[in-house]
Amino acid sequence: LVDRPHADNHFNDALTRLRRVARPGSLV
């Protein structure tokens, strides 16, 4: 986490990316 002071500002981006990983029918 060094030199990443704003690492917690992209939670929604993570959710968007998650939809690529979790194919329909997955348990998340």
mmCIF file of all heavy atoms, coordinates in Angstrom:
data_MODEL
# 
_entry.id   MODEL 
# 
loop_
_atom_site.group_PDB 
_atom_site.id 
_atom_site.type_symbol 
_atom_site.label_atom_id 
_atom_site.label_alt_id 
_atom_site.label_comp_id 
_atom_site.label_asym_id 
_atom_site.label_entity_id 
_atom_site.label_seq_id 
_atom_site.pdbx_PDB_ins_code 
_atom_site.Cartn_x 
_atom_site.Cartn_y 
_atom_site.Cartn_z 
_atom_site.occupancy 
_atom_site.B_iso_or_equiv 
_atom_site.pdbx_formal_charge 
_atom_site.auth_seq_id 
_atom_site.auth_comp_id 
_atom_site.auth_asym_id 
_atom_site.auth_atom_id 
_atom_site.pdbx_PDB_model_num 
ATOM 1   N N   . LEU A 1 1  ? 0.811   -1.216  0.000   1.00 0.00 ? 1  LEU A N   1 
ATOM 2   C CA  . LEU A 1 1  ? 0.000   0.000   0.000   1.00 0.00 ? 1  LEU A CA  1 
ATOM 3   C C   . LEU A 1 1  ? 0.843   1.265   0.000   1.00 0.00 ? 1  LEU A C   1 
ATOM 4   O O   . LEU A 1 1  ? 0.329   2.351   -0.028  1.00 0.00 ? 1  LEU A O   1 
ATOM 5   C CB  . LEU A 1 1  ? -0.931  0.015   1.213   1.00 0.00 ? 1  LEU A CB  1 
ATOM 6   C CG  . LEU A 1 1  ? -2.117  -0.946  1.136   1.00 0.00 ? 1  LEU A CG  1 
ATOM 7   C CD1 . LEU A 1 1  ? -2.867  -0.957  2.454   1.00 0.00 ? 1  LEU A CD1 1 
ATOM 8   C CD2 . LEU A 1 1  ? -3.049  -0.559  0.007   1.00 0.00 ? 1  LEU A CD2 1 
ATOM 9   N N   . VAL A 1 2  ? 2.147   1.142   0.032   1.00 0.00 ? 2  VAL A N   1 
ATOM 10  C CA  . VAL A 1 2  ? 3.024   2.305   0.033   1.00 0.00 ? 2  VAL A CA  1 
ATOM 11  C C   . VAL A 1 2  ? 2.829   3.103   -1.255  1.00 0.00 ? 2  VAL A C   1 
ATOM 12  O O   . VAL A 1 2  ? 2.719   2.540   -2.350  1.00 0.00 ? 2  VAL A O   1 
ATOM 13  C CB  . VAL A 1 2  ? 4.497   1.862   0.160   1.00 0.00 ? 2  VAL A CB  1 
ATOM 14  C CG1 . VAL A 1 2  ? 5.433   3.064   0.041   1.00 0.00 ? 2  VAL A CG1 1 
ATOM 15  C CG2 . VAL A 1 2  ? 4.710   1.140   1.482   1.00 0.00 ? 2  VAL A CG2 1 
ATOM 16  N N   . ASP A 1 3  ? 2.748   4.422   -1.109  1.00 0.00 ? 3  ASP A N   1 
ATOM 17  C CA  . ASP A 1 3  ? 2.578   5.345   -2.241  1.00 0.00 ? 3  ASP A CA  1 
ATOM 18  C C   . ASP A 1 3  ? 1.243   5.145   -2.947  1.00 0.00 ? 3  ASP A C   1 
ATOM 19  O O   . ASP A 1 3  ? 1.109   5.475   -4.123  1.00 0.00 ? 3  ASP A O   1 
ATOM 20  C CB  . ASP A 1 3  ? 3.723   5.197   -3.252  1.00 0.00 ? 3  ASP A CB  1 
ATOM 21  C CG  . ASP A 1 3  ? 5.061   5.581   -2.653  1.00 0.00 ? 3  ASP A CG  1 
ATOM 22  O OD1 . ASP A 1 3  ? 5.087   6.477   -1.781  1.00 0.00 ? 3  ASP A OD1 1 
ATOM 23  O OD2 . ASP A 1 3  ? 6.071   4.966   -3.039  1.00 0.00 ? 3  ASP A OD2 1 
ATOM 24  N N   . ARG A 1 4  ? 0.234   4.632   -2.237  1.00 0.00 ? 4  ARG A N   1 
ATOM 25  C CA  . ARG A 1 4  ? -1.103  4.518   -2.809  1.00 0.00 ? 4  ARG A CA  1 
ATOM 26  C C   . ARG A 1 4  ? -2.110  5.188   -1.883  1.00 0.00 ? 4  ARG A C   1 
ATOM 27  O O   . ARG A 1 4  ? -2.984  4.555   -1.340  1.00 0.00 ? 4  ARG A O   1 
ATOM 28  C CB  . ARG A 1 4  ? -1.484  3.056   -3.006  1.00 0.00 ? 4  ARG A CB  1 
ATOM 29  C CG  . ARG A 1 4  ? -0.682  2.361   -4.096  1.00 0.00 ? 4  ARG A CG  1 
ATOM 30  C CD  . ARG A 1 4  ? -1.066  0.907   -4.159  1.00 0.00 ? 4  ARG A CD  1 
ATOM 31  N NE  . ARG A 1 4  ? -0.290  0.229   -5.177  1.00 0.00 ? 4  ARG A NE  1 
ATOM 32  C CZ  . ARG A 1 4  ? -0.299  -1.083  -5.359  1.00 0.00 ? 4  ARG A CZ  1 
ATOM 33  N NH1 . ARG A 1 4  ? -1.056  -1.836  -4.591  1.00 0.00 ? 4  ARG A NH1 1 
ATOM 34  N NH2 . ARG A 1 4  ? 0.433   -1.645  -6.290  1.00 0.00 ? 4  ARG A NH2 1 
ATOM 35  N N   . PRO A 1 5  ? -1.965  6.483   -1.662  1.00 0.00 ? 5  PRO A N   1 
ATOM 36  C CA  . PRO A 1 5  ? -2.832  7.151   -0.686  1.00 0.00 ? 5  PRO A CA  1 
ATOM 37  C C   . PRO A 1 5  ? -4.301  7.169   -1.061  1.00 0.00 ? 5  PRO A C   1 
ATOM 38  O O   . PRO A 1 5  ? -5.150  7.350   -0.215  1.00 0.00 ? 5  PRO A O   1 
ATOM 39  C CB  . PRO A 1 5  ? -2.271  8.576   -0.638  1.00 0.00 ? 5  PRO A CB  1 
ATOM 40  C CG  . PRO A 1 5  ? -1.618  8.768   -1.972  1.00 0.00 ? 5  PRO A CG  1 
ATOM 41  C CD  . PRO A 1 5  ? -1.033  7.423   -2.312  1.00 0.00 ? 5  PRO A CD  1 
ATOM 42  N N   . HIS A 1 6  ? -4.623  6.992   -2.345  1.00 0.00 ? 6  HIS A N   1 
ATOM 43  C CA  . HIS A 1 6  ? -6.025  7.062   -2.764  1.00 0.00 ? 6  HIS A CA  1 
ATOM 44  C C   . HIS A 1 6  ? -6.532  5.701   -3.225  1.00 0.00 ? 6  HIS A C   1 
ATOM 45  O O   . HIS A 1 6  ? -7.443  5.605   -4.023  1.00 0.00 ? 6  HIS A O   1 
ATOM 46  C CB  . HIS A 1 6  ? -6.190  8.077   -3.902  1.00 0.00 ? 6  HIS A CB  1 
ATOM 47  C CG  . HIS A 1 6  ? -5.714  9.452   -3.535  1.00 0.00 ? 6  HIS A CG  1 
ATOM 48  N ND1 . HIS A 1 6  ? -6.308  10.192  -2.537  1.00 0.00 ? 6  HIS A ND1 1 
ATOM 49  C CD2 . HIS A 1 6  ? -4.694  10.191  -4.011  1.00 0.00 ? 6  HIS A CD2 1 
ATOM 50  C CE1 . HIS A 1 6  ? -5.672  11.356  -2.423  1.00 0.00 ? 6  HIS A CE1 1 
ATOM 51  N NE2 . HIS A 1 6  ? -4.699  11.374  -3.296  1.00 0.00 ? 6  HIS A NE2 1 
ATOM 52  N N   . ALA A 1 7  ? -5.950  4.645   -2.667  1.00 0.00 ? 7  ALA A N   1 
ATOM 53  C CA  . ALA A 1 7  ? -6.292  3.299   -3.142  1.00 0.00 ? 7  ALA A CA  1 
ATOM 54  C C   . ALA A 1 7  ? -7.708  2.900   -2.811  1.00 0.00 ? 7  ALA A C   1 
ATOM 55  O O   . ALA A 1 7  ? -8.220  1.941   -3.356  1.00 0.00 ? 7  ALA A O   1 
ATOM 56  C CB  . ALA A 1 7  ? -5.312  2.289   -2.545  1.00 0.00 ? 7  ALA A CB  1 
ATOM 57  N N   . ASP A 1 8  ? -8.375  3.611   -1.909  1.00 0.00 ? 8  ASP A N   1 
ATOM 58  C CA  . ASP A 1 8  ? -9.713  3.195   -1.521  1.00 0.00 ? 8  ASP A CA  1 
ATOM 59  C C   . ASP A 1 8  ? -10.804 4.000   -2.214  1.00 0.00 ? 8  ASP A C   1 
ATOM 60  O O   . ASP A 1 8  ? -11.932 4.032   -1.757  1.00 0.00 ? 8  ASP A O   1 
ATOM 61  C CB  . ASP A 1 8  ? -9.876  3.297   -0.001  1.00 0.00 ? 8  ASP A CB  1 
ATOM 62  C CG  . ASP A 1 8  ? -9.677  4.717   0.503   1.00 0.00 ? 8  ASP A CG  1 
ATOM 63  O OD1 . ASP A 1 8  ? -9.224  5.570   -0.271  1.00 0.00 ? 8  ASP A OD1 1 
ATOM 64  O OD2 . ASP A 1 8  ? -9.987  4.953   1.673   1.00 0.00 ? 8  ASP A OD2 1 
ATOM 65  N N   . ASN A 1 9  ? -10.471 4.663   -3.327  1.00 0.00 ? 9  ASN A N   1 
ATOM 66  C CA  . ASN A 1 9  ? -11.455 5.501   -4.006  1.00 0.00 ? 9  ASN A CA  1 
ATOM 67  C C   . ASN A 1 9  ? -12.079 4.832   -5.218  1.00 0.00 ? 9  ASN A C   1 
ATOM 68  O O   . ASN A 1 9  ? -12.795 5.475   -5.970  1.00 0.00 ? 9  ASN A O   1 
ATOM 69  C CB  . ASN A 1 9  ? -10.801 6.832   -4.437  1.00 0.00 ? 9  ASN A CB  1 
ATOM 70  C CG  . ASN A 1 9  ? -10.431 7.678   -3.242  1.00 0.00 ? 9  ASN A CG  1 
ATOM 71  O OD1 . ASN A 1 9  ? -11.020 7.532   -2.176  1.00 0.00 ? 9  ASN A OD1 1 
ATOM 72  N ND2 . ASN A 1 9  ? -9.457  8.559   -3.405  1.00 0.00 ? 9  ASN A ND2 1 
ATOM 73  N N   . HIS A 1 10 ? -11.807 3.542   -5.445  1.00 0.00 ? 10 HIS A N   1 
ATOM 74  C CA  . HIS A 1 10 ? -12.248 2.898   -6.678  1.00 0.00 ? 10 HIS A CA  1 
ATOM 75  C C   . HIS A 1 10 ? -13.023 1.613   -6.410  1.00 0.00 ? 10 HIS A C   1 
ATOM 76  O O   . HIS A 1 10 ? -12.930 0.655   -7.152  1.00 0.00 ? 10 HIS A O   1 
ATOM 77  C CB  . HIS A 1 10 ? -11.041 2.611   -7.570  1.00 0.00 ? 10 HIS A CB  1 
ATOM 78  C CG  . HIS A 1 10 ? -10.192 3.820   -7.831  1.00 0.00 ? 10 HIS A CG  1 
ATOM 79  N ND1 . HIS A 1 10 ? -10.625 4.869   -8.626  1.00 0.00 ? 10 HIS A ND1 1 
ATOM 80  C CD2 . HIS A 1 10 ? -8.961  4.162   -7.397  1.00 0.00 ? 10 HIS A CD2 1 
ATOM 81  C CE1 . HIS A 1 10 ? -9.675  5.798   -8.658  1.00 0.00 ? 10 HIS A CE1 1 
ATOM 82  N NE2 . HIS A 1 10 ? -8.669  5.402   -7.922  1.00 0.00 ? 10 HIS A NE2 1 
ATOM 83  N N   . PHE A 1 11 ? -13.792 1.616   -5.329  1.00 0.00 ? 11 PHE A N   1 
ATOM 84  C CA  . PHE A 1 11 ? -14.550 0.427   -4.977  1.00 0.00 ? 11 PHE A CA  1 
ATOM 85  C C   . PHE A 1 11 ? -15.564 0.072   -6.062  1.00 0.00 ? 11 PHE A C   1 
ATOM 86  O O   . PHE A 1 11 ? -15.746 -1.094  -6.411  1.00 0.00 ? 11 PHE A O   1 
ATOM 87  C CB  . PHE A 1 11 ? -15.253 0.634   -3.640  1.00 0.00 ? 11 PHE A CB  1 
ATOM 88  C CG  . PHE A 1 11 ? -16.000 -0.566  -3.141  1.00 0.00 ? 11 PHE A CG  1 
ATOM 89  C CD1 . PHE A 1 11 ? -15.327 -1.617  -2.551  1.00 0.00 ? 11 PHE A CD1 1 
ATOM 90  C CD2 . PHE A 1 11 ? -17.376 -0.646  -3.265  1.00 0.00 ? 11 PHE A CD2 1 
ATOM 91  C CE1 . PHE A 1 11 ? -16.006 -2.724  -2.087  1.00 0.00 ? 11 PHE A CE1 1 
ATOM 92  C CE2 . PHE A 1 11 ? -18.063 -1.747  -2.804  1.00 0.00 ? 11 PHE A CE2 1 
ATOM 93  C CZ  . PHE A 1 11 ? -17.374 -2.789  -2.210  1.00 0.00 ? 11 PHE A CZ  1 
ATOM 94  N N   . ASN A 1 12 ? -16.224 1.077   -6.615  1.00 0.00 ? 12 ASN A N   1 
ATOM 95  C CA  . ASN A 1 12 ? -17.220 0.817   -7.650  1.00 0.00 ? 12 ASN A CA  1 
ATOM 96  C C   . ASN A 1 12 ? -16.585 0.285   -8.926  1.00 0.00 ? 12 ASN A C   1 
ATOM 97  O O   . ASN A 1 12 ? -17.178 -0.523  -9.645  1.00 0.00 ? 12 ASN A O   1 
ATOM 98  C CB  . ASN A 1 12 ? -18.021 2.077   -7.952  1.00 0.00 ? 12 ASN A CB  1 
ATOM 99  C CG  . ASN A 1 12 ? -18.915 2.471   -6.790  1.00 0.00 ? 12 ASN A CG  1 
ATOM 100 O OD1 . ASN A 1 12 ? -19.238 1.654   -5.942  1.00 0.00 ? 12 ASN A OD1 1 
ATOM 101 N ND2 . ASN A 1 12 ? -19.299 3.736   -6.738  1.00 0.00 ? 12 ASN A ND2 1 
ATOM 102 N N   . ASP A 1 13 ? -15.368 0.736   -9.212  1.00 0.00 ? 13 ASP A N   1 
ATOM 103 C CA  . ASP A 1 13 ? -14.645 0.200   -10.359 1.00 0.00 ? 13 ASP A CA  1 
ATOM 104 C C   . ASP A 1 13 ? -14.371 -1.286  -10.155 1.00 0.00 ? 13 ASP A C   1 
ATOM 105 O O   . ASP A 1 13 ? -14.443 -2.082  -11.096 1.00 0.00 ? 13 ASP A O   1 
ATOM 106 C CB  . ASP A 1 13 ? -13.334 0.965   -10.547 1.00 0.00 ? 13 ASP A CB  1 
ATOM 107 C CG  . ASP A 1 13 ? -12.593 0.535   -11.802 1.00 0.00 ? 13 ASP A CG  1 
ATOM 108 O OD1 . ASP A 1 13 ? -13.261 0.242   -12.808 1.00 0.00 ? 13 ASP A OD1 1 
ATOM 109 O OD2 . ASP A 1 13 ? -11.351 0.488   -11.769 1.00 0.00 ? 13 ASP A OD2 1 
ATOM 110 N N   . ALA A 1 14 ? -14.071 -1.661  -8.907  1.00 0.00 ? 14 ALA A N   1 
ATOM 111 C CA  . ALA A 1 14 ? -13.849 -3.077  -8.608  1.00 0.00 ? 14 ALA A CA  1 
ATOM 112 C C   . ALA A 1 14 ? -15.119 -3.889  -8.849  1.00 0.00 ? 14 ALA A C   1 
ATOM 113 O O   . ALA A 1 14 ? -15.071 -4.998  -9.385  1.00 0.00 ? 14 ALA A O   1 
ATOM 114 C CB  . ALA A 1 14 ? -13.375 -3.245  -7.166  1.00 0.00 ? 14 ALA A CB  1 
ATOM 115 N N   . LEU A 1 15 ? -16.274 -3.347  -8.468  1.00 0.00 ? 15 LEU A N   1 
ATOM 116 C CA  . LEU A 1 15 ? -17.535 -4.043  -8.708  1.00 0.00 ? 15 LEU A CA  1 
ATOM 117 C C   . LEU A 1 15 ? -17.800 -4.205  -10.207 1.00 0.00 ? 15 LEU A C   1 
ATOM 118 O O   . LEU A 1 15 ? -18.298 -5.239  -10.655 1.00 0.00 ? 15 LEU A O   1 
ATOM 119 C CB  . LEU A 1 15 ? -18.694 -3.280  -8.066  1.00 0.00 ? 15 LEU A CB  1 
ATOM 120 C CG  . LEU A 1 15 ? -18.792 -3.331  -6.537  1.00 0.00 ? 15 LEU A CG  1 
ATOM 121 C CD1 . LEU A 1 15 ? -19.932 -2.420  -6.063  1.00 0.00 ? 15 LEU A CD1 1 
ATOM 122 C CD2 . LEU A 1 15 ? -19.002 -4.752  -6.045  1.00 0.00 ? 15 LEU A CD2 1 
ATOM 123 N N   . THR A 1 16 ? -17.450 -3.182  -10.985 1.00 0.00 ? 16 THR A N   1 
ATOM 124 C CA  . THR A 1 16 ? -17.626 -3.267  -12.432 1.00 0.00 ? 16 THR A CA  1 
ATOM 125 C C   . THR A 1 16 ? -16.755 -4.371  -13.010 1.00 0.00 ? 16 THR A C   1 
ATOM 126 O O   . THR A 1 16 ? -17.202 -5.178  -13.837 1.00 0.00 ? 16 THR A O   1 
ATOM 127 C CB  . THR A 1 16 ? -17.272 -1.924  -13.092 1.00 0.00 ? 16 THR A CB  1 
ATOM 128 O OG1 . THR A 1 16 ? -18.090 -0.892  -12.534 1.00 0.00 ? 16 THR A OG1 1 
ATOM 129 C CG2 . THR A 1 16 ? -17.493 -1.982  -14.597 1.00 0.00 ? 16 THR A CG2 1 
ATOM 130 N N   . ARG A 1 17 ? -15.500 -4.416  -12.579 1.00 0.00 ? 17 ARG A N   1 
ATOM 131 C CA  . ARG A 1 17 ? -14.584 -5.460  -13.057 1.00 0.00 ? 17 ARG A CA  1 
ATOM 132 C C   . ARG A 1 17 ? -15.034 -6.845  -12.612 1.00 0.00 ? 17 ARG A C   1 
ATOM 133 O O   . ARG A 1 17 ? -14.829 -7.831  -13.322 1.00 0.00 ? 17 ARG A O   1 
ATOM 134 C CB  . ARG A 1 17 ? -13.174 -5.183  -12.552 1.00 0.00 ? 17 ARG A CB  1 
ATOM 135 C CG  . ARG A 1 17 ? -12.522 -3.949  -13.171 1.00 0.00 ? 17 ARG A CG  1 
ATOM 136 C CD  . ARG A 1 17 ? -11.225 -3.603  -12.450 1.00 0.00 ? 17 ARG A CD  1 
ATOM 137 N NE  . ARG A 1 17 ? -10.588 -2.438  -13.028 1.00 0.00 ? 17 ARG A NE  1 
ATOM 138 C CZ  . ARG A 1 17 ? -9.621  -2.479  -13.937 1.00 0.00 ? 17 ARG A CZ  1 
ATOM 139 N NH1 . ARG A 1 17 ? -9.182  -3.655  -14.370 1.00 0.00 ? 17 ARG A NH1 1 
ATOM 140 N NH2 . ARG A 1 17 ? -9.082  -1.377  -14.417 1.00 0.00 ? 17 ARG A NH2 1 
ATOM 141 N N   . LEU A 1 18 ? -15.634 -6.915  -11.438 1.00 0.00 ? 18 LEU A N   1 
ATOM 142 C CA  . LEU A 1 18 ? -16.086 -8.197  -10.916 1.00 0.00 ? 18 LEU A CA  1 
ATOM 143 C C   . LEU A 1 18 ? -17.093 -8.847  -11.849 1.00 0.00 ? 18 LEU A C   1 
ATOM 144 O O   . LEU A 1 18 ? -17.133 -10.080 -11.978 1.00 0.00 ? 18 LEU A O   1 
ATOM 145 C CB  . LEU A 1 18 ? -16.710 -7.993  -9.527  1.00 0.00 ? 18 LEU A CB  1 
ATOM 146 C CG  . LEU A 1 18 ? -17.256 -9.242  -8.831  1.00 0.00 ? 18 LEU A CG  1 
ATOM 147 C CD1 . LEU A 1 18 ? -16.144 -10.266 -8.595  1.00 0.00 ? 18 LEU A CD1 1 
ATOM 148 C CD2 . LEU A 1 18 ? -17.906 -8.856  -7.505  1.00 0.00 ? 18 LEU A CD2 1 
ATOM 149 N N   . ARG A 1 19 ? -17.892 -8.067  -12.516 1.00 0.00 ? 19 ARG A N   1 
ATOM 150 C CA  . ARG A 1 19 ? -18.885 -8.628  -13.427 1.00 0.00 ? 19 ARG A CA  1 
ATOM 151 C C   . ARG A 1 19 ? -18.243 -9.310  -14.625 1.00 0.00 ? 19 ARG A C   1 
ATOM 152 O O   . ARG A 1 19 ? -18.880 -10.139 -15.283 1.00 0.00 ? 19 ARG A O   1 
ATOM 153 C CB  . ARG A 1 19 ? -19.850 -7.530  -13.884 1.00 0.00 ? 19 ARG A CB  1 
ATOM 154 C CG  . ARG A 1 19 ? -20.777 -7.055  -12.764 1.00 0.00 ? 19 ARG A CG  1 
ATOM 155 C CD  . ARG A 1 19 ? -21.545 -5.808  -13.150 1.00 0.00 ? 19 ARG A CD  1 
ATOM 156 N NE  . ARG A 1 19 ? -22.156 -5.920  -14.458 1.00 0.00 ? 19 ARG A NE  1 
ATOM 157 C CZ  . ARG A 1 19 ? -22.348 -4.896  -15.269 1.00 0.00 ? 19 ARG A CZ  1 
ATOM 158 N NH1 . ARG A 1 19 ? -21.965 -3.664  -14.917 1.00 0.00 ? 19 ARG A NH1 1 
ATOM 159 N NH2 . ARG A 1 19 ? -22.914 -5.071  -16.433 1.00 0.00 ? 19 ARG A NH2 1 
ATOM 160 N N   . ARG A 1 20 ? -16.977 -8.996  -14.909 1.00 0.00 ? 20 ARG A N   1 
ATOM 161 C CA  . ARG A 1 20 ? -16.266 -9.711  -15.969 1.00 0.00 ? 20 ARG A CA  1 
ATOM 162 C C   . ARG A 1 20 ? -15.768 -11.063 -15.480 1.00 0.00 ? 20 ARG A C   1 
ATOM 163 O O   . ARG A 1 20 ? -15.690 -12.014 -16.240 1.00 0.00 ? 20 ARG A O   1 
ATOM 164 C CB  . ARG A 1 20 ? -15.068 -8.882  -16.446 1.00 0.00 ? 20 ARG A CB  1 
ATOM 165 C CG  . ARG A 1 20 ? -15.426 -7.607  -17.176 1.00 0.00 ? 20 ARG A CG  1 
ATOM 166 C CD  . ARG A 1 20 ? -14.337 -7.255  -18.164 1.00 0.00 ? 20 ARG A CD  1 
ATOM 167 N NE  . ARG A 1 20 ? -13.032 -7.199  -17.524 1.00 0.00 ? 20 ARG A NE  1 
ATOM 168 C CZ  . ARG A 1 20 ? -12.407 -6.083  -17.168 1.00 0.00 ? 20 ARG A CZ  1 
ATOM 169 N NH1 . ARG A 1 20 ? -12.989 -4.913  -17.382 1.00 0.00 ? 20 ARG A NH1 1 
ATOM 170 N NH2 . ARG A 1 20 ? -11.214 -6.115  -16.616 1.00 0.00 ? 20 ARG A NH2 1 
ATOM 171 N N   . VAL A 1 21 ? -15.396 -11.121 -14.204 1.00 0.00 ? 21 VAL A N   1 
ATOM 172 C CA  . VAL A 1 21 ? -14.849 -12.358 -13.647 1.00 0.00 ? 21 VAL A CA  1 
ATOM 173 C C   . VAL A 1 21 ? -15.963 -13.341 -13.324 1.00 0.00 ? 21 VAL A C   1 
ATOM 174 O O   . VAL A 1 21 ? -15.828 -14.554 -13.537 1.00 0.00 ? 21 VAL A O   1 
ATOM 175 C CB  . VAL A 1 21 ? -14.022 -12.053 -12.377 1.00 0.00 ? 21 VAL A CB  1 
ATOM 176 C CG1 . VAL A 1 21 ? -13.445 -13.340 -11.789 1.00 0.00 ? 21 VAL A CG1 1 
ATOM 177 C CG2 . VAL A 1 21 ? -12.908 -11.071 -12.693 1.00 0.00 ? 21 VAL A CG2 1 
ATOM 178 N N   . ALA A 1 22 ? -17.069 -12.847 -12.797 1.00 0.00 ? 22 ALA A N   1 
ATOM 179 C CA  . ALA A 1 22 ? -18.176 -13.702 -12.359 1.00 0.00 ? 22 ALA A CA  1 
ATOM 180 C C   . ALA A 1 22 ? -19.137 -13.922 -13.525 1.00 0.00 ? 22 ALA A C   1 
ATOM 181 O O   . ALA A 1 22 ? -20.026 -13.113 -13.773 1.00 0.00 ? 22 ALA A O   1 
ATOM 182 C CB  . ALA A 1 22 ? -18.894 -13.063 -11.178 1.00 0.00 ? 22 ALA A CB  1 
ATOM 183 N N   . ARG A 1 23 ? -18.975 -15.018 -14.210 1.00 0.00 ? 23 ARG A N   1 
ATOM 184 C CA  . ARG A 1 23 ? -19.874 -15.337 -15.317 1.00 0.00 ? 23 ARG A CA  1 
ATOM 185 C C   . ARG A 1 23 ? -21.259 -15.655 -14.749 1.00 0.00 ? 23 ARG A C   1 
ATOM 186 O O   . ARG A 1 23 ? -21.399 -16.032 -13.582 1.00 0.00 ? 23 ARG A O   1 
ATOM 187 C CB  . ARG A 1 23 ? -19.353 -16.533 -16.109 1.00 0.00 ? 23 ARG A CB  1 
ATOM 188 C CG  . ARG A 1 23 ? -19.104 -17.769 -15.295 1.00 0.00 ? 23 ARG A CG  1 
ATOM 189 C CD  . ARG A 1 23 ? -18.824 -18.976 -16.169 1.00 0.00 ? 23 ARG A CD  1 
ATOM 190 N NE  . ARG A 1 23 ? -20.006 -19.379 -16.906 1.00 0.00 ? 23 ARG A NE  1 
ATOM 191 C CZ  . ARG A 1 23 ? -20.044 -20.465 -17.693 1.00 0.00 ? 23 ARG A CZ  1 
ATOM 192 N NH1 . ARG A 1 23 ? -18.970 -21.203 -17.844 1.00 0.00 ? 23 ARG A NH1 1 
ATOM 193 N NH2 . ARG A 1 23 ? -21.157 -20.783 -18.317 1.00 0.00 ? 23 ARG A NH2 1 
ATOM 194 N N   . PRO A 1 24 ? -22.312 -15.505 -15.551 1.00 0.00 ? 24 PRO A N   1 
ATOM 195 C CA  . PRO A 1 24 ? -23.660 -15.786 -15.053 1.00 0.00 ? 24 PRO A CA  1 
ATOM 196 C C   . PRO A 1 24 ? -23.767 -17.170 -14.422 1.00 0.00 ? 24 PRO A C   1 
ATOM 197 O O   . PRO A 1 24 ? -23.261 -18.145 -14.949 1.00 0.00 ? 24 PRO A O   1 
ATOM 198 C CB  . PRO A 1 24 ? -24.516 -15.679 -16.325 1.00 0.00 ? 24 PRO A CB  1 
ATOM 199 C CG  . PRO A 1 24 ? -23.774 -14.701 -17.180 1.00 0.00 ? 24 PRO A CG  1 
ATOM 200 C CD  . PRO A 1 24 ? -22.317 -14.991 -16.931 1.00 0.00 ? 24 PRO A CD  1 
ATOM 201 N N   . GLY A 1 25 ? -24.440 -17.223 -13.259 1.00 0.00 ? 25 GLY A N   1 
ATOM 202 C CA  . GLY A 1 25 ? -24.592 -18.473 -12.535 1.00 0.00 ? 25 GLY A CA  1 
ATOM 203 C C   . GLY A 1 25 ? -23.554 -18.683 -11.456 1.00 0.00 ? 25 GLY A C   1 
ATOM 204 O O   . GLY A 1 25 ? -23.580 -19.703 -10.763 1.00 0.00 ? 25 GLY A O   1 
ATOM 205 N N   . SER A 1 26 ? -22.654 -17.720 -11.278 1.00 0.00 ? 26 SER A N   1 
ATOM 206 C CA  . SER A 1 26 ? -21.604 -17.852 -10.262 1.00 0.00 ? 26 SER A CA  1 
ATOM 207 C C   . SER A 1 26 ? -22.167 -17.578 -8.864  1.00 0.00 ? 26 SER A C   1 
ATOM 208 O O   . SER A 1 26 ? -23.193 -16.917 -8.703  1.00 0.00 ? 26 SER A O   1 
ATOM 209 C CB  . SER A 1 26 ? -20.465 -16.874 -10.539 1.00 0.00 ? 26 SER A CB  1 
ATOM 210 O OG  . SER A 1 26 ? -19.816 -17.165 -11.763 1.00 0.00 ? 26 SER A OG  1 
ATOM 211 N N   . LEU A 1 27 ? -21.463 -18.087 -7.875  1.00 0.00 ? 27 LEU A N   1 
ATOM 212 C CA  . LEU A 1 27 ? -21.709 -17.742 -6.476  1.00 0.00 ? 27 LEU A CA  1 
ATOM 213 C C   . LEU A 1 27 ? -20.608 -16.783 -6.070  1.00 0.00 ? 27 LEU A C   1 
ATOM 214 O O   . LEU A 1 27 ? -19.425 -17.116 -6.132  1.00 0.00 ? 27 LEU A O   1 
ATOM 215 C CB  . LEU A 1 27 ? -21.684 -18.992 -5.599  1.00 0.00 ? 27 LEU A CB  1 
ATOM 216 C CG  . LEU A 1 27 ? -21.767 -18.774 -4.081  1.00 0.00 ? 27 LEU A CG  1 
ATOM 217 C CD1 . LEU A 1 27 ? -23.062 -18.048 -3.702  1.00 0.00 ? 27 LEU A CD1 1 
ATOM 218 C CD2 . LEU A 1 27 ? -21.662 -20.107 -3.354  1.00 0.00 ? 27 LEU A CD2 1 
ATOM 219 N N   . VAL A 1 28 ? -20.985 -15.572 -5.667  1.00 0.00 ? 28 VAL A N   1 
ATOM 220 C CA  . VAL A 1 28 ? -20.022 -14.500 -5.411  1.00 0.00 ? 28 VAL A CA  1 
ATOM 221 C C   . VAL A 1 28 ? -20.042 -14.104 -3.943  1.00 0.00 ? 28 VAL A C   1 
ATOM 222 O O   . VAL A 1 28 ? -21.116 -13.853 -3.377  1.00 0.00 ? 28 VAL A O   1 
ATOM 223 C CB  . VAL A 1 28 ? -20.338 -13.260 -6.285  1.00 0.00 ? 28 VAL A CB  1 
ATOM 224 C CG1 . VAL A 1 28 ? -19.318 -12.151 -6.038  1.00 0.00 ? 28 VAL A CG1 1 
ATOM 225 C CG2 . VAL A 1 28 ? -20.365 -13.648 -7.762  1.00 0.00 ? 28 VAL A CG2 1 
# 
